[in-house]
mmCIF file of all heavy atoms, coordinates in Angstrom:
data_MODEL
# 
_entry.id   MODEL 
# 
loop_
_atom_site.group_PDB 
_atom_site.id 
_atom_site.type_symbol 
_atom_site.label_atom_id 
_atom_site.label_alt_id 
_atom_site.label_comp_id 
_atom_site.label_asym_id 
_atom_site.label_entity_id 
_atom_site.label_seq_id 
_atom_site.pdbx_PDB_ins_code 
_atom_site.Cartn_x 
_atom_site.Cartn_y 
_atom_site.Cartn_z 
_atom_site.occupancy 
_atom_site.B_iso_or_equiv 
_atom_site.pdbx_formal_charge 
_atom_site.auth_seq_id 
_atom_site.auth_comp_id 
_atom_site.auth_asym_id 
_atom_site.auth_atom_id 
_atom_site.pdbx_PDB_model_num 
ATOM 1   N N   . ALA A 1 1  ? -5.089  -25.421 28.793 1.00 0.00 ? 1  ALA A N   1 
ATOM 2   C CA  . ALA A 1 1  ? -4.188  -24.864 29.802 1.00 0.00 ? 1  ALA A CA  1 
ATOM 3   C C   . ALA A 1 1  ? -4.925  -23.889 30.723 1.00 0.00 ? 1  ALA A C   1 
ATOM 4   O O   . ALA A 1 1  ? -4.344  -23.391 31.672 1.00 0.00 ? 1  ALA A O   1 
ATOM 5   C CB  . ALA A 1 1  ? -3.017  -24.158 29.131 1.00 0.00 ? 1  ALA A CB  1 
ATOM 6   N N   . GLY A 1 2  ? -6.181  -23.642 30.445 1.00 0.00 ? 2  GLY A N   1 
ATOM 7   C CA  . GLY A 1 2  ? -6.949  -22.736 31.280 1.00 0.00 ? 2  GLY A CA  1 
ATOM 8   C C   . GLY A 1 2  ? -6.758  -21.272 30.917 1.00 0.00 ? 2  GLY A C   1 
ATOM 9   O O   . GLY A 1 2  ? -7.202  -20.395 31.638 1.00 0.00 ? 2  GLY A O   1 
ATOM 10  N N   . GLU A 1 3  ? -6.070  -20.984 29.819 1.00 0.00 ? 3  GLU A N   1 
ATOM 11  C CA  . GLU A 1 3  ? -5.887  -19.595 29.390 1.00 0.00 ? 3  GLU A CA  1 
ATOM 12  C C   . GLU A 1 3  ? -7.143  -19.127 28.666 1.00 0.00 ? 3  GLU A C   1 
ATOM 13  O O   . GLU A 1 3  ? -7.726  -19.872 27.891 1.00 0.00 ? 3  GLU A O   1 
ATOM 14  C CB  . GLU A 1 3  ? -4.688  -19.490 28.450 1.00 0.00 ? 3  GLU A CB  1 
ATOM 15  C CG  . GLU A 1 3  ? -3.363  -19.762 29.113 1.00 0.00 ? 3  GLU A CG  1 
ATOM 16  C CD  . GLU A 1 3  ? -2.202  -19.590 28.143 1.00 0.00 ? 3  GLU A CD  1 
ATOM 17  O OE1 . GLU A 1 3  ? -2.331  -18.780 27.210 1.00 0.00 ? 3  GLU A OE1 1 
ATOM 18  O OE2 . GLU A 1 3  ? -1.195  -20.260 28.338 1.00 0.00 ? 3  GLU A OE2 1 
ATOM 19  N N   . PRO A 1 4  ? -7.549  -17.907 28.923 1.00 0.00 ? 4  PRO A N   1 
ATOM 20  C CA  . PRO A 1 4  ? -8.744  -17.408 28.231 1.00 0.00 ? 4  PRO A CA  1 
ATOM 21  C C   . PRO A 1 4  ? -8.433  -17.162 26.759 1.00 0.00 ? 4  PRO A C   1 
ATOM 22  O O   . PRO A 1 4  ? -7.325  -16.773 26.404 1.00 0.00 ? 4  PRO A O   1 
ATOM 23  C CB  . PRO A 1 4  ? -9.046  -16.092 28.948 1.00 0.00 ? 4  PRO A CB  1 
ATOM 24  C CG  . PRO A 1 4  ? -7.753  -15.680 29.571 1.00 0.00 ? 4  PRO A CG  1 
ATOM 25  C CD  . PRO A 1 4  ? -6.997  -16.947 29.848 1.00 0.00 ? 4  PRO A CD  1 
ATOM 26  N N   . THR A 1 5  ? -9.404  -17.412 25.943 1.00 0.00 ? 5  THR A N   1 
ATOM 27  C CA  . THR A 1 5  ? -9.253  -17.126 24.512 1.00 0.00 ? 5  THR A CA  1 
ATOM 28  C C   . THR A 1 5  ? -10.170 -15.959 24.169 1.00 0.00 ? 5  THR A C   1 
ATOM 29  O O   . THR A 1 5  ? -11.157 -15.703 24.849 1.00 0.00 ? 5  THR A O   1 
ATOM 30  C CB  . THR A 1 5  ? -9.634  -18.342 23.652 1.00 0.00 ? 5  THR A CB  1 
ATOM 31  O OG1 . THR A 1 5  ? -10.991 -18.711 23.954 1.00 0.00 ? 5  THR A OG1 1 
ATOM 32  C CG2 . THR A 1 5  ? -8.707  -19.504 23.908 1.00 0.00 ? 5  THR A CG2 1 
ATOM 33  N N   . LEU A 1 6  ? -9.827  -15.242 23.131 1.00 0.00 ? 6  LEU A N   1 
ATOM 34  C CA  . LEU A 1 6  ? -10.600 -14.082 22.718 1.00 0.00 ? 6  LEU A CA  1 
ATOM 35  C C   . LEU A 1 6  ? -11.598 -14.471 21.640 1.00 0.00 ? 6  LEU A C   1 
ATOM 36  O O   . LEU A 1 6  ? -11.266 -15.194 20.696 1.00 0.00 ? 6  LEU A O   1 
ATOM 37  C CB  . LEU A 1 6  ? -9.673  -12.998 22.176 1.00 0.00 ? 6  LEU A CB  1 
ATOM 38  C CG  . LEU A 1 6  ? -8.649  -12.440 23.159 1.00 0.00 ? 6  LEU A CG  1 
ATOM 39  C CD1 . LEU A 1 6  ? -7.710  -11.482 22.446 1.00 0.00 ? 6  LEU A CD1 1 
ATOM 40  C CD2 . LEU A 1 6  ? -9.333  -11.745 24.314 1.00 0.00 ? 6  LEU A CD2 1 
ATOM 41  N N   . SER A 1 7  ? -12.793 -13.963 21.783 1.00 0.00 ? 7  SER A N   1 
ATOM 42  C CA  . SER A 1 7  ? -13.798 -14.186 20.750 1.00 0.00 ? 7  SER A CA  1 
ATOM 43  C C   . SER A 1 7  ? -13.542 -13.207 19.610 1.00 0.00 ? 7  SER A C   1 
ATOM 44  O O   . SER A 1 7  ? -12.783 -12.245 19.750 1.00 0.00 ? 7  SER A O   1 
ATOM 45  C CB  . SER A 1 7  ? -15.201 -13.959 21.327 1.00 0.00 ? 7  SER A CB  1 
ATOM 46  O OG  . SER A 1 7  ? -15.385 -12.590 21.622 1.00 0.00 ? 7  SER A OG  1 
ATOM 47  N N   . ASP A 1 8  ? -14.184 -13.442 18.494 1.00 0.00 ? 8  ASP A N   1 
ATOM 48  C CA  . ASP A 1 8  ? -14.061 -12.530 17.358 1.00 0.00 ? 8  ASP A CA  1 
ATOM 49  C C   . ASP A 1 8  ? -14.531 -11.130 17.755 1.00 0.00 ? 8  ASP A C   1 
ATOM 50  O O   . ASP A 1 8  ? -13.942 -10.130 17.352 1.00 0.00 ? 8  ASP A O   1 
ATOM 51  C CB  . ASP A 1 8  ? -14.879 -13.038 16.167 1.00 0.00 ? 8  ASP A CB  1 
ATOM 52  C CG  . ASP A 1 8  ? -14.262 -14.260 15.507 1.00 0.00 ? 8  ASP A CG  1 
ATOM 53  O OD1 . ASP A 1 8  ? -13.062 -14.493 15.721 1.00 0.00 ? 8  ASP A OD1 1 
ATOM 54  O OD2 . ASP A 1 8  ? -14.987 -14.962 14.783 1.00 0.00 ? 8  ASP A OD2 1 
ATOM 55  N N   . ARG A 1 9  ? -15.571 -11.067 18.565 1.00 0.00 ? 9  ARG A N   1 
ATOM 56  C CA  . ARG A 1 9  ? -16.099 -9.776  19.015 1.00 0.00 ? 9  ARG A CA  1 
ATOM 57  C C   . ARG A 1 9  ? -15.060 -9.045  19.864 1.00 0.00 ? 9  ARG A C   1 
ATOM 58  O O   . ARG A 1 9  ? -14.850 -7.840  19.711 1.00 0.00 ? 9  ARG A O   1 
ATOM 59  C CB  . ARG A 1 9  ? -17.384 -10.012 19.820 1.00 0.00 ? 9  ARG A CB  1 
ATOM 60  C CG  . ARG A 1 9  ? -17.979 -8.769  20.396 1.00 0.00 ? 9  ARG A CG  1 
ATOM 61  C CD  . ARG A 1 9  ? -18.705 -8.022  19.308 1.00 0.00 ? 9  ARG A CD  1 
ATOM 62  N NE  . ARG A 1 9  ? -19.314 -6.826  19.887 1.00 0.00 ? 9  ARG A NE  1 
ATOM 63  C CZ  . ARG A 1 9  ? -19.559 -5.754  19.213 1.00 0.00 ? 9  ARG A CZ  1 
ATOM 64  N NH1 . ARG A 1 9  ? -19.271 -5.702  17.939 1.00 0.00 ? 9  ARG A NH1 1 
ATOM 65  N NH2 . ARG A 1 9  ? -20.109 -4.722  19.780 1.00 0.00 ? 9  ARG A NH2 1 
ATOM 66  N N   . GLU A 1 10 ? -14.402 -9.736  20.766 1.00 0.00 ? 10 GLU A N   1 
ATOM 67  C CA  . GLU A 1 10 ? -13.390 -9.120  21.613 1.00 0.00 ? 10 GLU A CA  1 
ATOM 68  C C   . GLU A 1 10 ? -12.203 -8.629  20.781 1.00 0.00 ? 10 GLU A C   1 
ATOM 69  O O   . GLU A 1 10 ? -11.683 -7.547  21.013 1.00 0.00 ? 10 GLU A O   1 
ATOM 70  C CB  . GLU A 1 10 ? -12.910 -10.105 22.683 1.00 0.00 ? 10 GLU A CB  1 
ATOM 71  C CG  . GLU A 1 10 ? -13.966 -10.410 23.732 1.00 0.00 ? 10 GLU A CG  1 
ATOM 72  C CD  . GLU A 1 10 ? -13.582 -11.574 24.623 1.00 0.00 ? 10 GLU A CD  1 
ATOM 73  O OE1 . GLU A 1 10 ? -13.019 -12.573 24.108 1.00 0.00 ? 10 GLU A OE1 1 
ATOM 74  O OE2 . GLU A 1 10 ? -13.849 -11.488 25.823 1.00 0.00 ? 10 GLU A OE2 1 
ATOM 75  N N   . ILE A 1 11 ? -11.816 -9.402  19.801 1.00 0.00 ? 11 ILE A N   1 
ATOM 76  C CA  . ILE A 1 11 ? -10.716 -9.003  18.920 1.00 0.00 ? 11 ILE A CA  1 
ATOM 77  C C   . ILE A 1 11 ? -11.113 -7.754  18.143 1.00 0.00 ? 11 ILE A C   1 
ATOM 78  O O   . ILE A 1 11 ? -10.345 -6.802  18.035 1.00 0.00 ? 11 ILE A O   1 
ATOM 79  C CB  . ILE A 1 11 ? -10.328 -10.153 17.965 1.00 0.00 ? 11 ILE A CB  1 
ATOM 80  C CG1 . ILE A 1 11 ? -9.696  -11.300 18.766 1.00 0.00 ? 11 ILE A CG1 1 
ATOM 81  C CG2 . ILE A 1 11 ? -9.393  -9.659  16.859 1.00 0.00 ? 11 ILE A CG2 1 
ATOM 82  C CD1 . ILE A 1 11 ? -9.502  -12.570 17.976 1.00 0.00 ? 11 ILE A CD1 1 
ATOM 83  N N   . TYR A 1 12 ? -12.346 -7.740  17.639 1.00 0.00 ? 12 TYR A N   1 
ATOM 84  C CA  . TYR A 1 12 ? -12.842 -6.578  16.905 1.00 0.00 ? 12 TYR A CA  1 
ATOM 85  C C   . TYR A 1 12 ? -12.813 -5.334  17.791 1.00 0.00 ? 12 TYR A C   1 
ATOM 86  O O   . TYR A 1 12 ? -12.380 -4.265  17.362 1.00 0.00 ? 12 TYR A O   1 
ATOM 87  C CB  . TYR A 1 12 ? -14.271 -6.845  16.401 1.00 0.00 ? 12 TYR A CB  1 
ATOM 88  C CG  . TYR A 1 12 ? -14.950 -5.618  15.865 1.00 0.00 ? 12 TYR A CG  1 
ATOM 89  C CD1 . TYR A 1 12 ? -14.642 -5.124  14.600 1.00 0.00 ? 12 TYR A CD1 1 
ATOM 90  C CD2 . TYR A 1 12 ? -15.885 -4.929  16.639 1.00 0.00 ? 12 TYR A CD2 1 
ATOM 91  C CE1 . TYR A 1 12 ? -15.252 -3.975  14.117 1.00 0.00 ? 12 TYR A CE1 1 
ATOM 92  C CE2 . TYR A 1 12 ? -16.495 -3.783  16.158 1.00 0.00 ? 12 TYR A CE2 1 
ATOM 93  C CZ  . TYR A 1 12 ? -16.177 -3.313  14.902 1.00 0.00 ? 12 TYR A CZ  1 
ATOM 94  O OH  . TYR A 1 12 ? -16.780 -2.183  14.429 1.00 0.00 ? 12 TYR A OH  1 
ATOM 95  N N   . GLU A 1 13 ? -13.292 -5.452  19.024 1.00 0.00 ? 13 GLU A N   1 
ATOM 96  C CA  . GLU A 1 13 ? -13.313 -4.315  19.953 1.00 0.00 ? 13 GLU A CA  1 
ATOM 97  C C   . GLU A 1 13 ? -11.898 -3.814  20.234 1.00 0.00 ? 13 GLU A C   1 
ATOM 98  O O   . GLU A 1 13 ? -11.666 -2.610  20.300 1.00 0.00 ? 13 GLU A O   1 
ATOM 99  C CB  . GLU A 1 13 ? -14.008 -4.686  21.269 1.00 0.00 ? 13 GLU A CB  1 
ATOM 100 C CG  . GLU A 1 13 ? -15.510 -4.849  21.148 1.00 0.00 ? 13 GLU A CG  1 
ATOM 101 C CD  . GLU A 1 13 ? -16.207 -3.571  20.755 1.00 0.00 ? 13 GLU A CD  1 
ATOM 102 O OE1 . GLU A 1 13 ? -15.827 -2.490  21.247 1.00 0.00 ? 13 GLU A OE1 1 
ATOM 103 O OE2 . GLU A 1 13 ? -17.150 -3.641  19.942 1.00 0.00 ? 13 GLU A OE2 1 
ATOM 104 N N   . MET A 1 14 ? -10.951 -4.715  20.395 1.00 0.00 ? 14 MET A N   1 
ATOM 105 C CA  . MET A 1 14 ? -9.564  -4.310  20.646 1.00 0.00 ? 14 MET A CA  1 
ATOM 106 C C   . MET A 1 14 ? -8.997  -3.564  19.442 1.00 0.00 ? 14 MET A C   1 
ATOM 107 O O   . MET A 1 14 ? -8.322  -2.544  19.602 1.00 0.00 ? 14 MET A O   1 
ATOM 108 C CB  . MET A 1 14 ? -8.704  -5.530  20.971 1.00 0.00 ? 14 MET A CB  1 
ATOM 109 C CG  . MET A 1 14 ? -9.021  -6.134  22.333 1.00 0.00 ? 14 MET A CG  1 
ATOM 110 S SD  . MET A 1 14 ? -8.136  -7.659  22.654 1.00 0.00 ? 14 MET A SD  1 
ATOM 111 C CE  . MET A 1 14 ? -6.479  -7.046  22.807 1.00 0.00 ? 14 MET A CE  1 
ATOM 112 N N   . GLU A 1 15 ? -9.274  -4.051  18.250 1.00 0.00 ? 15 GLU A N   1 
ATOM 113 C CA  . GLU A 1 15 ? -8.796  -3.387  17.042 1.00 0.00 ? 15 GLU A CA  1 
ATOM 114 C C   . GLU A 1 15 ? -9.418  -1.996  16.915 1.00 0.00 ? 15 GLU A C   1 
ATOM 115 O O   . GLU A 1 15 ? -8.737  -1.027  16.584 1.00 0.00 ? 15 GLU A O   1 
ATOM 116 C CB  . GLU A 1 15 ? -9.126  -4.222  15.800 1.00 0.00 ? 15 GLU A CB  1 
ATOM 117 C CG  . GLU A 1 15 ? -8.283  -5.467  15.685 1.00 0.00 ? 15 GLU A CG  1 
ATOM 118 C CD  . GLU A 1 15 ? -8.722  -6.373  14.538 1.00 0.00 ? 15 GLU A CD  1 
ATOM 119 O OE1 . GLU A 1 15 ? -9.822  -6.162  13.974 1.00 0.00 ? 15 GLU A OE1 1 
ATOM 120 O OE2 . GLU A 1 15 ? -7.957  -7.299  14.218 1.00 0.00 ? 15 GLU A OE2 1 
ATOM 121 N N   . ARG A 1 16 ? -10.715 -1.898  17.207 1.00 0.00 ? 16 ARG A N   1 
ATOM 122 C CA  . ARG A 1 16 ? -11.411 -0.617  17.119 1.00 0.00 ? 16 ARG A CA  1 
ATOM 123 C C   . ARG A 1 16 ? -10.826 0.386   18.115 1.00 0.00 ? 16 ARG A C   1 
ATOM 124 O O   . ARG A 1 16 ? -10.575 1.538   17.778 1.00 0.00 ? 16 ARG A O   1 
ATOM 125 C CB  . ARG A 1 16 ? -12.908 -0.806  17.377 1.00 0.00 ? 16 ARG A CB  1 
ATOM 126 C CG  . ARG A 1 16 ? -13.741 0.419   17.069 1.00 0.00 ? 16 ARG A CG  1 
ATOM 127 C CD  . ARG A 1 16 ? -15.223 0.183   17.295 1.00 0.00 ? 16 ARG A CD  1 
ATOM 128 N NE  . ARG A 1 16 ? -15.544 -0.196  18.654 1.00 0.00 ? 16 ARG A NE  1 
ATOM 129 C CZ  . ARG A 1 16 ? -15.570 0.650   19.701 1.00 0.00 ? 16 ARG A CZ  1 
ATOM 130 N NH1 . ARG A 1 16 ? -15.286 1.904   19.514 1.00 0.00 ? 16 ARG A NH1 1 
ATOM 131 N NH2 . ARG A 1 16 ? -15.887 0.233   20.900 1.00 0.00 ? 16 ARG A NH2 1 
ATOM 132 N N   . LYS A 1 17 ? -10.555 -0.064  19.322 1.00 0.00 ? 17 LYS A N   1 
ATOM 133 C CA  . LYS A 1 17 ? -9.964  0.822   20.328 1.00 0.00 ? 17 LYS A CA  1 
ATOM 134 C C   . LYS A 1 17 ? -8.569  1.263   19.899 1.00 0.00 ? 17 LYS A C   1 
ATOM 135 O O   . LYS A 1 17 ? -8.185  2.411   20.111 1.00 0.00 ? 17 LYS A O   1 
ATOM 136 C CB  . LYS A 1 17 ? -9.916  0.133   21.691 1.00 0.00 ? 17 LYS A CB  1 
ATOM 137 C CG  . LYS A 1 17 ? -11.276 0.063   22.339 1.00 0.00 ? 17 LYS A CG  1 
ATOM 138 C CD  . LYS A 1 17 ? -11.214 -0.616  23.674 1.00 0.00 ? 17 LYS A CD  1 
ATOM 139 C CE  . LYS A 1 17 ? -12.624 -0.747  24.244 1.00 0.00 ? 17 LYS A CE  1 
ATOM 140 N NZ  . LYS A 1 17 ? -12.643 -1.472  25.504 1.00 0.00 ? 17 LYS A NZ  1 
ATOM 141 N N   . GLY A 1 18 ? -7.812  0.354   19.299 1.00 0.00 ? 18 GLY A N   1 
ATOM 142 C CA  . GLY A 1 18 ? -6.489  0.716   18.796 1.00 0.00 ? 18 GLY A CA  1 
ATOM 143 C C   . GLY A 1 18 ? -6.574  1.776   17.720 1.00 0.00 ? 18 GLY A C   1 
ATOM 144 O O   . GLY A 1 18 ? -5.785  2.724   17.695 1.00 0.00 ? 18 GLY A O   1 
ATOM 145 N N   . GLU A 1 19 ? -7.561  1.656   16.836 1.00 0.00 ? 19 GLU A N   1 
ATOM 146 C CA  . GLU A 1 19 ? -7.762  2.660   15.798 1.00 0.00 ? 19 GLU A CA  1 
ATOM 147 C C   . GLU A 1 19 ? -8.150  4.008   16.408 1.00 0.00 ? 19 GLU A C   1 
ATOM 148 O O   . GLU A 1 19 ? -7.703  5.057   15.955 1.00 0.00 ? 19 GLU A O   1 
ATOM 149 C CB  . GLU A 1 19 ? -8.836  2.193   14.813 1.00 0.00 ? 19 GLU A CB  1 
ATOM 150 C CG  . GLU A 1 19 ? -8.377  1.044   13.930 1.00 0.00 ? 19 GLU A CG  1 
ATOM 151 C CD  . GLU A 1 19 ? -9.506  0.433   13.109 1.00 0.00 ? 19 GLU A CD  1 
ATOM 152 O OE1 . GLU A 1 19 ? -10.667 0.879   13.240 1.00 0.00 ? 19 GLU A OE1 1 
ATOM 153 O OE2 . GLU A 1 19 ? -9.225  -0.499  12.349 1.00 0.00 ? 19 GLU A OE2 1 
ATOM 154 N N   . GLU A 1 20 ? -8.983  3.977   17.449 1.00 0.00 ? 20 GLU A N   1 
ATOM 155 C CA  . GLU A 1 20 ? -9.373  5.220   18.121 1.00 0.00 ? 20 GLU A CA  1 
ATOM 156 C C   . GLU A 1 20 ? -8.157  5.889   18.755 1.00 0.00 ? 20 GLU A C   1 
ATOM 157 O O   . GLU A 1 20 ? -8.005  7.107   18.686 1.00 0.00 ? 20 GLU A O   1 
ATOM 158 C CB  . GLU A 1 20 ? -10.423 4.946   19.199 1.00 0.00 ? 20 GLU A CB  1 
ATOM 159 C CG  . GLU A 1 20 ? -11.787 4.624   18.648 1.00 0.00 ? 20 GLU A CG  1 
ATOM 160 C CD  . GLU A 1 20 ? -12.777 4.254   19.735 1.00 0.00 ? 20 GLU A CD  1 
ATOM 161 O OE1 . GLU A 1 20 ? -12.433 4.314   20.936 1.00 0.00 ? 20 GLU A OE1 1 
ATOM 162 O OE2 . GLU A 1 20 ? -13.911 3.900   19.383 1.00 0.00 ? 20 GLU A OE2 1 
ATOM 163 N N   . ILE A 1 21 ? -7.296  5.095   19.366 1.00 0.00 ? 21 ILE A N   1 
ATOM 164 C CA  . ILE A 1 21 ? -6.087  5.641   19.990 1.00 0.00 ? 21 ILE A CA  1 
ATOM 165 C C   . ILE A 1 21 ? -5.205  6.293   18.938 1.00 0.00 ? 21 ILE A C   1 
ATOM 166 O O   . ILE A 1 21 ? -4.706  7.397   19.122 1.00 0.00 ? 21 ILE A O   1 
ATOM 167 C CB  . ILE A 1 21 ? -5.323  4.544   20.771 1.00 0.00 ? 21 ILE A CB  1 
ATOM 168 C CG1 . ILE A 1 21 ? -6.134  4.141   22.007 1.00 0.00 ? 21 ILE A CG1 1 
ATOM 169 C CG2 . ILE A 1 21 ? -3.924  5.024   21.160 1.00 0.00 ? 21 ILE A CG2 1 
ATOM 170 C CD1 . ILE A 1 21 ? -5.624  2.902   22.702 1.00 0.00 ? 21 ILE A CD1 1 
ATOM 171 N N   . LEU A 1 22 ? -5.032  5.606   17.809 1.00 0.00 ? 22 LEU A N   1 
ATOM 172 C CA  . LEU A 1 22 ? -4.223  6.178   16.731 1.00 0.00 ? 22 LEU A CA  1 
ATOM 173 C C   . LEU A 1 22 ? -4.847  7.467   16.196 1.00 0.00 ? 22 LEU A C   1 
ATOM 174 O O   . LEU A 1 22 ? -4.149  8.442   15.924 1.00 0.00 ? 22 LEU A O   1 
ATOM 175 C CB  . LEU A 1 22 ? -4.052  5.168   15.598 1.00 0.00 ? 22 LEU A CB  1 
ATOM 176 C CG  . LEU A 1 22 ? -3.141  3.978   15.899 1.00 0.00 ? 22 LEU A CG  1 
ATOM 177 C CD1 . LEU A 1 22 ? -3.173  2.989   14.748 1.00 0.00 ? 22 LEU A CD1 1 
ATOM 178 C CD2 . LEU A 1 22 ? -1.719  4.449   16.159 1.00 0.00 ? 22 LEU A CD2 1 
ATOM 179 N N   . ALA A 1 23 ? -6.165  7.497   16.069 1.00 0.00 ? 23 ALA A N   1 
ATOM 180 C CA  . ALA A 1 23 ? -6.847  8.701   15.588 1.00 0.00 ? 23 ALA A CA  1 
ATOM 181 C C   . ALA A 1 23 ? -6.662  9.842   16.580 1.00 0.00 ? 23 ALA A C   1 
ATOM 182 O O   . ALA A 1 23 ? -6.409  10.990  16.189 1.00 0.00 ? 23 ALA A O   1 
ATOM 183 C CB  . ALA A 1 23 ? -8.328  8.424   15.364 1.00 0.00 ? 23 ALA A CB  1 
ATOM 184 N N   . ASP A 1 24 ? -6.775  9.546   17.882 1.00 0.00 ? 24 ASP A N   1 
ATOM 185 C CA  . ASP A 1 24 ? -6.561  10.573  18.905 1.00 0.00 ? 24 ASP A CA  1 
ATOM 186 C C   . ASP A 1 24 ? -5.142  11.111  18.834 1.00 0.00 ? 24 ASP A C   1 
ATOM 187 O O   . ASP A 1 24 ? -4.915  12.308  18.971 1.00 0.00 ? 24 ASP A O   1 
ATOM 188 C CB  . ASP A 1 24 ? -6.828  10.026  20.313 1.00 0.00 ? 24 ASP A CB  1 
ATOM 189 C CG  . ASP A 1 24 ? -8.307  9.857   20.591 1.00 0.00 ? 24 ASP A CG  1 
ATOM 190 O OD1 . ASP A 1 24 ? -9.126  10.412  19.834 1.00 0.00 ? 24 ASP A OD1 1 
ATOM 191 O OD2 . ASP A 1 24 ? -8.639  9.160   21.571 1.00 0.00 ? 24 ASP A OD2 1 
ATOM 192 N N   . MET A 1 25 ? -4.174  10.232  18.630 1.00 0.00 ? 25 MET A N   1 
ATOM 193 C CA  . MET A 1 25 ? -2.782  10.669  18.529 1.00 0.00 ? 25 MET A CA  1 
ATOM 194 C C   . MET A 1 25 ? -2.615  11.580  17.324 1.00 0.00 ? 25 MET A C   1 
ATOM 195 O O   . MET A 1 25 ? -1.931  12.597  17.388 1.00 0.00 ? 25 MET A O   1 
ATOM 196 C CB  . MET A 1 25 ? -1.845  9.464   18.430 1.00 0.00 ? 25 MET A CB  1 
ATOM 197 C CG  . MET A 1 25 ? -1.745  8.678   19.726 1.00 0.00 ? 25 MET A CG  1 
ATOM 198 S SD  . MET A 1 25 ? -0.881  7.108   19.554 1.00 0.00 ? 25 MET A SD  1 
ATOM 199 C CE  . MET A 1 25 ? 0.710   7.618   19.000 1.00 0.00 ? 25 MET A CE  1 
ATOM 200 N N   . SER A 1 26 ? -3.246  11.234  16.230 1.00 0.00 ? 26 SER A N   1 
ATOM 201 C CA  . SER A 1 26 ? -3.165  12.040  15.015 1.00 0.00 ? 26 SER A CA  1 
ATOM 202 C C   . SER A 1 26 ? -3.785  13.417  15.244 1.00 0.00 ? 26 SER A C   1 
ATOM 203 O O   . SER A 1 26 ? -3.236  14.428  14.839 1.00 0.00 ? 26 SER A O   1 
ATOM 204 C CB  . SER A 1 26 ? -3.884  11.318  13.877 1.00 0.00 ? 26 SER A CB  1 
ATOM 205 O OG  . SER A 1 26 ? -3.935  12.137  12.743 1.00 0.00 ? 26 SER A OG  1 
ATOM 206 N N   . MET A 1 27 ? -4.944  13.462  15.908 1.00 0.00 ? 27 MET A N   1 
ATOM 207 C CA  . MET A 1 27 ? -5.604  14.737  16.186 1.00 0.00 ? 27 MET A CA  1 
ATOM 208 C C   . MET A 1 27 ? -4.739  15.597  17.094 1.00 0.00 ? 27 MET A C   1 
ATOM 209 O O   . MET A 1 27 ? -4.665  16.806  16.920 1.00 0.00 ? 27 MET A O   1 
ATOM 210 C CB  . MET A 1 27 ? -6.971  14.502  16.848 1.00 0.00 ? 27 MET A CB  1 
ATOM 211 C CG  . MET A 1 27 ? -8.007  13.939  15.900 1.00 0.00 ? 27 MET A CG  1 
ATOM 212 S SD  . MET A 1 27 ? -8.387  15.062  14.550 1.00 0.00 ? 27 MET A SD  1 
ATOM 213 C CE  . MET A 1 27 ? -9.279  16.308  15.444 1.00 0.00 ? 27 MET A CE  1 
ATOM 214 N N   . THR A 1 28 ? -4.070  14.984  18.062 1.00 0.00 ? 28 THR A N   1 
ATOM 215 C CA  . THR A 1 28 ? -3.195  15.735  18.959 1.00 0.00 ? 28 THR A CA  1 
ATOM 216 C C   . THR A 1 28 ? -2.064  16.371  18.165 1.00 0.00 ? 28 THR A C   1 
ATOM 217 O O   . THR A 1 28 ? -1.721  17.530  18.372 1.00 0.00 ? 28 THR A O   1 
ATOM 218 C CB  . THR A 1 28 ? -2.622  14.803  20.057 1.00 0.00 ? 28 THR A CB  1 
ATOM 219 O OG1 . THR A 1 28 ? -3.714  14.258  20.791 1.00 0.00 ? 28 THR A OG1 1 
ATOM 220 C CG2 . THR A 1 28 ? -1.701  15.556  20.987 1.00 0.00 ? 28 THR A CG2 1 
# 
């Protein structure tokens, strides 16, 4: 369909950023 798919690396980076956001929220 021409939709981009995410590589394992991209998924990992997104998860890591989500964890960083949660950690920042916790620190706040």
